[in-house]
N, C-alpha and C. Protein backbone atom coordinates (compact mmCIF):
# COMPACT_ATOMS: atom_id res chain seq x y z
N PRO A 1 0.80 -1.22 0.00
CA PRO A 1 0.00 0.00 0.00
C PRO A 1 0.83 1.27 0.00
N TYR A 2 2.13 1.17 0.28
CA TYR A 2 2.97 2.38 0.38
C TYR A 2 3.88 2.58 -0.83
N ILE A 3 3.73 1.75 -1.85
CA ILE A 3 4.66 1.81 -2.98
C ILE A 3 4.61 3.17 -3.67
N GLU A 4 3.43 3.64 -3.98
CA GLU A 4 3.33 4.91 -4.68
C GLU A 4 3.87 6.06 -3.84
N GLU A 5 3.65 6.01 -2.54
CA GLU A 5 4.20 7.04 -1.66
C GLU A 5 5.73 7.00 -1.66
N LEU A 6 6.29 5.79 -1.71
CA LEU A 6 7.75 5.65 -1.76
C LEU A 6 8.30 6.27 -3.03
N PHE A 7 7.71 5.93 -4.18
CA PHE A 7 8.24 6.39 -5.46
C PHE A 7 7.94 7.86 -5.74
N THR A 8 7.08 8.47 -4.95
CA THR A 8 6.82 9.90 -5.10
C THR A 8 7.36 10.67 -3.89
N ASN A 9 8.15 9.99 -3.08
CA ASN A 9 8.83 10.59 -1.92
C ASN A 9 7.85 11.28 -0.97
N ARG A 10 6.75 10.59 -0.68
CA ARG A 10 5.73 11.12 0.22
C ARG A 10 5.45 10.18 1.39
N LEU A 11 6.39 9.31 1.73
CA LEU A 11 6.19 8.40 2.87
C LEU A 11 6.14 9.18 4.17
N ASP A 12 5.20 8.86 5.00
CA ASP A 12 5.10 9.46 6.33
C ASP A 12 6.03 8.70 7.27
N PRO A 13 7.10 9.32 7.76
CA PRO A 13 8.05 8.62 8.63
C PRO A 13 7.41 8.07 9.90
N GLN A 14 6.25 8.59 10.28
CA GLN A 14 5.57 8.13 11.48
C GLN A 14 4.67 6.92 11.23
N ALA A 15 4.44 6.57 9.97
CA ALA A 15 3.50 5.50 9.64
C ALA A 15 4.04 4.11 9.95
N HIS A 16 5.37 3.97 9.97
CA HIS A 16 5.98 2.66 10.23
C HIS A 16 7.41 2.92 10.71
N PRO A 17 7.91 2.11 11.64
CA PRO A 17 9.28 2.34 12.15
C PRO A 17 10.34 2.34 11.04
N TYR A 18 10.18 1.48 10.03
CA TYR A 18 11.16 1.43 8.95
C TYR A 18 11.16 2.73 8.15
N PHE A 19 10.00 3.35 8.00
CA PHE A 19 9.92 4.58 7.22
C PHE A 19 10.76 5.69 7.85
N ALA A 20 10.87 5.69 9.17
CA ALA A 20 11.72 6.68 9.84
C ALA A 20 13.18 6.46 9.47
N GLU A 21 13.58 5.18 9.29
CA GLU A 21 14.96 4.86 8.92
C GLU A 21 15.30 5.34 7.52
N ILE A 22 14.33 5.30 6.62
CA ILE A 22 14.61 5.67 5.23
C ILE A 22 14.13 7.08 4.89
N ALA A 23 13.71 7.83 5.90
CA ALA A 23 13.27 9.22 5.66
C ALA A 23 14.41 9.99 4.99
N GLY A 24 14.09 10.73 3.99
CA GLY A 24 15.10 11.49 3.26
C GLY A 24 15.67 10.75 2.07
N LEU A 25 15.41 9.47 1.96
CA LEU A 25 15.86 8.69 0.82
C LEU A 25 15.06 9.11 -0.41
N THR A 26 15.75 9.43 -1.48
CA THR A 26 15.07 9.84 -2.71
C THR A 26 15.09 8.68 -3.69
N VAL A 27 13.93 8.13 -3.95
CA VAL A 27 13.83 7.03 -4.92
C VAL A 27 12.65 7.29 -5.84
N SER A 28 12.74 6.75 -7.02
CA SER A 28 11.63 6.80 -7.97
C SER A 28 11.90 5.76 -9.04
N ALA A 29 10.95 5.57 -9.87
CA ALA A 29 11.09 4.69 -11.03
C ALA A 29 10.24 5.31 -12.13
N HIS A 30 10.52 4.93 -13.35
CA HIS A 30 9.66 5.41 -14.42
C HIS A 30 8.29 4.75 -14.33
N PHE A 31 8.30 3.43 -14.06
CA PHE A 31 7.06 2.68 -14.04
C PHE A 31 7.03 1.70 -12.87
N LEU A 32 5.83 1.40 -12.45
CA LEU A 32 5.55 0.33 -11.50
C LEU A 32 4.50 -0.56 -12.13
N ILE A 33 4.72 -1.87 -12.09
CA ILE A 33 3.71 -2.81 -12.55
C ILE A 33 3.18 -3.54 -11.32
N ARG A 34 1.92 -3.31 -11.05
CA ARG A 34 1.28 -3.92 -9.88
C ARG A 34 1.02 -5.41 -10.13
N ARG A 35 0.69 -6.14 -9.09
CA ARG A 35 0.44 -7.58 -9.18
C ARG A 35 -0.69 -7.89 -10.16
N ASN A 36 -1.67 -6.99 -10.27
CA ASN A 36 -2.80 -7.22 -11.18
C ASN A 36 -2.51 -6.78 -12.61
N GLY A 37 -1.29 -6.31 -12.88
CA GLY A 37 -0.90 -5.88 -14.22
C GLY A 37 -1.09 -4.41 -14.50
N ASP A 38 -1.69 -3.68 -13.59
CA ASP A 38 -1.83 -2.24 -13.79
C ASP A 38 -0.45 -1.59 -13.83
N ILE A 39 -0.30 -0.66 -14.75
CA ILE A 39 0.96 0.07 -14.90
C ILE A 39 0.76 1.49 -14.39
N VAL A 40 1.66 1.92 -13.52
CA VAL A 40 1.64 3.28 -12.99
C VAL A 40 2.92 3.96 -13.48
N GLN A 41 2.80 5.11 -14.11
CA GLN A 41 3.98 5.86 -14.54
C GLN A 41 4.21 7.02 -13.58
N PHE A 42 5.46 7.12 -13.10
CA PHE A 42 5.83 8.19 -12.18
C PHE A 42 6.68 9.27 -12.84
N VAL A 43 7.50 8.87 -13.82
CA VAL A 43 8.47 9.78 -14.44
C VAL A 43 8.44 9.54 -15.95
N ALA A 44 8.51 10.60 -16.73
CA ALA A 44 8.58 10.46 -18.19
C ALA A 44 9.87 9.72 -18.56
N THR A 45 9.82 8.93 -19.61
CA THR A 45 11.01 8.16 -20.00
C THR A 45 12.12 9.03 -20.56
N THR A 46 11.83 10.28 -20.82
CA THR A 46 12.86 11.22 -21.27
C THR A 46 13.55 11.92 -20.10
N GLU A 47 13.10 11.63 -18.89
CA GLU A 47 13.66 12.23 -17.67
C GLU A 47 14.34 11.16 -16.83
N ASN A 48 15.24 11.58 -15.94
CA ASN A 48 15.89 10.65 -15.02
C ASN A 48 14.95 10.27 -13.89
N ALA A 49 14.94 8.99 -13.57
CA ALA A 49 14.30 8.51 -12.34
C ALA A 49 15.43 8.01 -11.45
N TRP A 50 15.15 7.81 -10.19
CA TRP A 50 16.19 7.43 -9.24
C TRP A 50 15.95 6.00 -8.75
N HIS A 51 16.13 5.05 -9.67
CA HIS A 51 15.85 3.65 -9.39
C HIS A 51 17.10 2.79 -9.29
N ALA A 52 18.18 3.22 -9.88
CA ALA A 52 19.37 2.37 -9.99
C ALA A 52 20.38 2.59 -8.88
N GLY A 53 20.49 3.81 -8.39
CA GLY A 53 21.49 4.09 -7.36
C GLY A 53 22.90 3.87 -7.90
N LEU A 54 23.80 3.48 -7.01
CA LEU A 54 25.17 3.18 -7.39
C LEU A 54 25.13 1.98 -8.32
N SER A 55 25.50 2.19 -9.58
CA SER A 55 25.28 1.15 -10.59
C SER A 55 26.26 1.29 -11.74
N ASN A 56 26.38 0.21 -12.52
CA ASN A 56 27.26 0.18 -13.68
C ASN A 56 26.72 -0.83 -14.68
N TRP A 57 26.70 -0.43 -15.94
CA TRP A 57 26.29 -1.35 -17.00
C TRP A 57 27.22 -1.16 -18.18
N ARG A 58 27.90 -2.24 -18.55
CA ARG A 58 28.83 -2.23 -19.69
C ARG A 58 29.86 -1.10 -19.57
N GLY A 59 30.37 -0.91 -18.35
CA GLY A 59 31.41 0.07 -18.12
C GLY A 59 30.92 1.50 -17.90
N ARG A 60 29.63 1.70 -17.94
CA ARG A 60 29.07 3.05 -17.71
C ARG A 60 28.46 3.11 -16.32
N ASP A 61 28.90 4.08 -15.53
CA ASP A 61 28.34 4.30 -14.20
C ASP A 61 27.06 5.12 -14.30
N LYS A 62 26.38 5.22 -13.17
CA LYS A 62 25.19 6.08 -13.04
C LYS A 62 24.09 5.69 -14.03
N CYS A 63 23.62 4.48 -13.91
CA CYS A 63 22.60 3.98 -14.84
C CYS A 63 21.32 4.80 -14.85
N ASN A 64 21.05 5.55 -13.78
CA ASN A 64 19.88 6.44 -13.79
C ASN A 64 19.92 7.41 -14.96
N ASP A 65 21.14 7.75 -15.41
CA ASP A 65 21.30 8.74 -16.47
C ASP A 65 20.95 8.22 -17.86
N PHE A 66 20.86 6.90 -18.03
CA PHE A 66 20.63 6.37 -19.37
C PHE A 66 19.73 5.14 -19.40
N SER A 67 18.89 4.98 -18.41
CA SER A 67 18.04 3.79 -18.38
C SER A 67 16.60 4.14 -18.01
N ILE A 68 15.73 3.19 -18.27
CA ILE A 68 14.32 3.29 -17.89
C ILE A 68 14.08 2.27 -16.79
N GLY A 69 13.60 2.74 -15.66
CA GLY A 69 13.38 1.87 -14.50
C GLY A 69 11.95 1.37 -14.43
N ILE A 70 11.80 0.05 -14.46
CA ILE A 70 10.49 -0.58 -14.34
C ILE A 70 10.52 -1.46 -13.09
N GLU A 71 9.68 -1.15 -12.15
CA GLU A 71 9.60 -1.92 -10.90
C GLU A 71 8.40 -2.85 -10.96
N LEU A 72 8.59 -4.05 -10.45
CA LEU A 72 7.50 -5.02 -10.35
C LEU A 72 7.10 -5.16 -8.89
N GLU A 73 5.83 -4.98 -8.60
CA GLU A 73 5.35 -5.14 -7.23
C GLU A 73 5.55 -6.59 -6.81
N GLY A 74 6.15 -6.79 -5.66
CA GLY A 74 6.41 -8.13 -5.15
C GLY A 74 7.77 -8.19 -4.50
N THR A 75 8.24 -9.40 -4.31
CA THR A 75 9.57 -9.61 -3.73
C THR A 75 10.34 -10.58 -4.60
N ASP A 76 11.63 -10.68 -4.32
CA ASP A 76 12.50 -11.58 -5.09
C ASP A 76 12.06 -13.03 -5.02
N THR A 77 11.37 -13.41 -3.96
CA THR A 77 11.07 -14.82 -3.73
C THR A 77 9.64 -15.22 -4.09
N HIS A 78 8.80 -14.27 -4.42
CA HIS A 78 7.42 -14.59 -4.82
C HIS A 78 7.33 -14.63 -6.33
N VAL A 79 6.61 -15.61 -6.83
CA VAL A 79 6.43 -15.73 -8.27
C VAL A 79 5.65 -14.52 -8.78
N TYR A 80 6.11 -13.96 -9.87
CA TYR A 80 5.41 -12.83 -10.48
C TYR A 80 4.17 -13.35 -11.20
N THR A 81 3.17 -12.50 -11.36
CA THR A 81 1.89 -12.93 -11.91
C THR A 81 1.88 -12.89 -13.44
N ASP A 82 0.95 -13.66 -14.02
CA ASP A 82 0.77 -13.62 -15.47
C ASP A 82 0.46 -12.20 -15.93
N ALA A 83 -0.35 -11.50 -15.15
CA ALA A 83 -0.70 -10.12 -15.50
C ALA A 83 0.54 -9.23 -15.52
N GLN A 84 1.47 -9.45 -14.60
CA GLN A 84 2.70 -8.65 -14.58
C GLN A 84 3.56 -8.95 -15.80
N TYR A 85 3.70 -10.23 -16.16
CA TYR A 85 4.49 -10.56 -17.35
C TYR A 85 3.86 -9.95 -18.60
N GLY A 86 2.54 -10.02 -18.71
CA GLY A 86 1.86 -9.43 -19.87
C GLY A 86 2.07 -7.93 -19.95
N ALA A 87 1.89 -7.26 -18.82
CA ALA A 87 2.07 -5.81 -18.79
C ALA A 87 3.52 -5.44 -19.06
N LEU A 88 4.46 -6.18 -18.48
CA LEU A 88 5.88 -5.91 -18.69
C LEU A 88 6.25 -6.06 -20.16
N SER A 89 5.76 -7.11 -20.80
CA SER A 89 6.05 -7.33 -22.22
C SER A 89 5.52 -6.17 -23.06
N GLU A 90 4.29 -5.77 -22.80
CA GLU A 90 3.71 -4.64 -23.54
C GLU A 90 4.50 -3.35 -23.29
N LEU A 91 4.88 -3.13 -22.05
CA LEU A 91 5.61 -1.91 -21.70
C LEU A 91 6.99 -1.89 -22.35
N ILE A 92 7.68 -3.01 -22.34
CA ILE A 92 9.00 -3.07 -22.98
C ILE A 92 8.86 -2.80 -24.47
N ARG A 93 7.88 -3.40 -25.11
CA ARG A 93 7.68 -3.15 -26.55
C ARG A 93 7.42 -1.66 -26.79
N ALA A 94 6.59 -1.04 -25.97
CA ALA A 94 6.28 0.39 -26.13
C ALA A 94 7.53 1.25 -25.90
N CYS A 95 8.32 0.91 -24.90
CA CYS A 95 9.54 1.67 -24.62
C CYS A 95 10.54 1.52 -25.75
N ARG A 96 10.67 0.32 -26.30
CA ARG A 96 11.61 0.11 -27.40
C ARG A 96 11.14 0.81 -28.67
N GLU A 97 9.83 0.91 -28.85
CA GLU A 97 9.31 1.63 -30.00
C GLU A 97 9.59 3.13 -29.85
N ALA A 98 9.40 3.65 -28.66
CA ALA A 98 9.63 5.08 -28.40
C ALA A 98 11.12 5.41 -28.33
N HIS A 99 11.93 4.43 -27.96
CA HIS A 99 13.38 4.63 -27.80
C HIS A 99 14.11 3.50 -28.53
N PRO A 100 14.22 3.59 -29.86
CA PRO A 100 14.83 2.51 -30.64
C PRO A 100 16.29 2.23 -30.29
N GLU A 101 16.92 3.13 -29.54
CA GLU A 101 18.31 2.91 -29.14
C GLU A 101 18.43 1.82 -28.06
N ILE A 102 17.33 1.38 -27.50
CA ILE A 102 17.37 0.32 -26.49
C ILE A 102 17.66 -1.01 -27.18
N GLU A 103 18.83 -1.54 -26.93
CA GLU A 103 19.23 -2.82 -27.52
C GLU A 103 18.56 -3.96 -26.77
N PRO A 104 18.23 -5.05 -27.47
CA PRO A 104 17.60 -6.19 -26.79
C PRO A 104 18.41 -6.70 -25.61
N GLY A 105 19.72 -6.75 -25.74
CA GLY A 105 20.58 -7.26 -24.66
C GLY A 105 20.71 -6.32 -23.48
N ALA A 106 20.13 -5.13 -23.59
CA ALA A 106 20.23 -4.16 -22.51
C ALA A 106 18.99 -4.18 -21.60
N ILE A 107 18.15 -5.17 -21.77
CA ILE A 107 16.98 -5.34 -20.90
C ILE A 107 17.44 -6.23 -19.75
N VAL A 108 17.71 -5.60 -18.61
CA VAL A 108 18.35 -6.30 -17.49
C VAL A 108 17.65 -5.97 -16.17
N GLY A 109 18.03 -6.68 -15.14
CA GLY A 109 17.48 -6.43 -13.81
C GLY A 109 18.41 -5.57 -12.97
N HIS A 110 17.89 -5.10 -11.85
CA HIS A 110 18.74 -4.35 -10.92
C HIS A 110 19.94 -5.19 -10.50
N SER A 111 19.75 -6.49 -10.37
CA SER A 111 20.85 -7.37 -9.95
C SER A 111 21.99 -7.38 -10.97
N ASP A 112 21.71 -7.01 -12.21
CA ASP A 112 22.75 -6.97 -13.24
C ASP A 112 23.53 -5.67 -13.23
N ILE A 113 22.91 -4.59 -12.77
CA ILE A 113 23.59 -3.29 -12.78
C ILE A 113 24.16 -2.92 -11.41
N ALA A 114 23.73 -3.63 -10.38
CA ALA A 114 24.23 -3.37 -9.02
C ALA A 114 24.36 -4.70 -8.28
N PRO A 115 25.17 -5.62 -8.83
CA PRO A 115 25.30 -6.93 -8.19
C PRO A 115 25.87 -6.80 -6.78
N GLY A 116 25.31 -7.60 -5.88
CA GLY A 116 25.74 -7.54 -4.50
C GLY A 116 25.00 -6.51 -3.68
N ARG A 117 24.44 -5.51 -4.35
CA ARG A 117 23.68 -4.47 -3.66
C ARG A 117 22.19 -4.61 -3.92
N LYS A 118 21.84 -5.03 -5.12
CA LYS A 118 20.43 -5.23 -5.46
C LYS A 118 20.25 -6.67 -5.94
N THR A 119 19.12 -7.25 -5.59
CA THR A 119 18.89 -8.66 -5.92
C THR A 119 17.71 -8.87 -6.87
N ASP A 120 16.94 -7.83 -7.11
CA ASP A 120 15.75 -8.02 -7.93
C ASP A 120 16.07 -7.97 -9.43
N PRO A 121 15.30 -8.68 -10.21
CA PRO A 121 14.00 -9.25 -9.88
C PRO A 121 14.06 -10.59 -9.15
N GLY A 122 15.22 -11.15 -8.98
CA GLY A 122 15.36 -12.33 -8.14
C GLY A 122 15.16 -13.65 -8.86
N PRO A 123 15.36 -14.74 -8.13
CA PRO A 123 15.30 -16.07 -8.73
C PRO A 123 13.91 -16.49 -9.19
N SER A 124 12.88 -15.82 -8.73
CA SER A 124 11.52 -16.18 -9.15
C SER A 124 11.14 -15.55 -10.49
N PHE A 125 11.98 -14.66 -10.99
CA PHE A 125 11.67 -14.02 -12.27
C PHE A 125 12.05 -14.95 -13.41
N ASP A 126 11.15 -15.13 -14.35
CA ASP A 126 11.35 -16.05 -15.47
C ASP A 126 11.84 -15.28 -16.70
N TRP A 127 13.17 -15.17 -16.81
CA TRP A 127 13.76 -14.46 -17.94
C TRP A 127 13.45 -15.15 -19.26
N HIS A 128 13.38 -16.50 -19.27
CA HIS A 128 13.04 -17.23 -20.49
C HIS A 128 11.65 -16.81 -20.98
N ARG A 129 10.72 -16.75 -20.05
CA ARG A 129 9.35 -16.36 -20.41
C ARG A 129 9.33 -14.95 -20.99
N LEU A 130 9.97 -14.01 -20.31
CA LEU A 130 9.99 -12.64 -20.81
C LEU A 130 10.62 -12.59 -22.20
N GLY A 131 11.76 -13.26 -22.36
CA GLY A 131 12.43 -13.27 -23.65
C GLY A 131 11.52 -13.80 -24.76
N HIS A 132 10.81 -14.87 -24.46
CA HIS A 132 9.88 -15.45 -25.43
C HIS A 132 8.76 -14.45 -25.76
N GLU A 133 8.21 -13.81 -24.72
CA GLU A 133 7.09 -12.89 -24.93
C GLU A 133 7.46 -11.65 -25.72
N ILE A 134 8.71 -11.20 -25.60
CA ILE A 134 9.11 -9.99 -26.34
C ILE A 134 9.97 -10.31 -27.56
N GLY A 135 10.22 -11.60 -27.79
CA GLY A 135 10.98 -12.01 -28.97
C GLY A 135 12.46 -11.67 -28.89
N VAL A 136 13.03 -11.74 -27.69
CA VAL A 136 14.44 -11.42 -27.49
C VAL A 136 15.10 -12.59 -26.78
N GLU A 137 16.22 -13.06 -27.32
CA GLU A 137 16.91 -14.19 -26.70
C GLU A 137 18.06 -13.78 -25.80
N GLU A 138 18.58 -12.56 -25.96
CA GLU A 138 19.78 -12.14 -25.23
C GLU A 138 19.46 -11.48 -23.89
N LEU A 139 18.62 -12.08 -23.10
CA LEU A 139 18.31 -11.55 -21.78
C LEU A 139 19.10 -12.31 -20.72
N PRO A 140 19.29 -11.75 -19.53
CA PRO A 140 20.02 -12.46 -18.48
C PRO A 140 19.37 -13.81 -18.20
N GLY A 141 20.17 -14.83 -18.11
CA GLY A 141 19.66 -16.15 -17.76
C GLY A 141 19.01 -16.90 -18.91
N VAL A 142 18.97 -16.29 -20.10
CA VAL A 142 18.33 -16.97 -21.24
C VAL A 142 19.39 -17.59 -22.10
């Protein structure tokens, strides 16, 4: 219930003890895909979102400066829903159409750009399925 507040930096530090610990943390993502497949956009894809943090991809630091952040509601250990895979596939196709510079092999998880610091989408994410749905074979784990 607090995901949108987190990504719009409106968490009430008094609402939960953990929120007091992360007060002042600035995070966002371009998109959130809820468990039911609903897509919420927080930031335009032409603008920076703050989803990657300390990160590196193919020798380039600061992935926030050149990437689109898509968050999936859930945890690393829970299986993602069919609705989420469907929405993610549609969203990736739309992003690649709007931004043809996105190479198929550059569709990666946080764990690929910040290994050891970020673990998502985690072992429950089916990269083979996503690759099949978007017609791309060069995804992590595929």
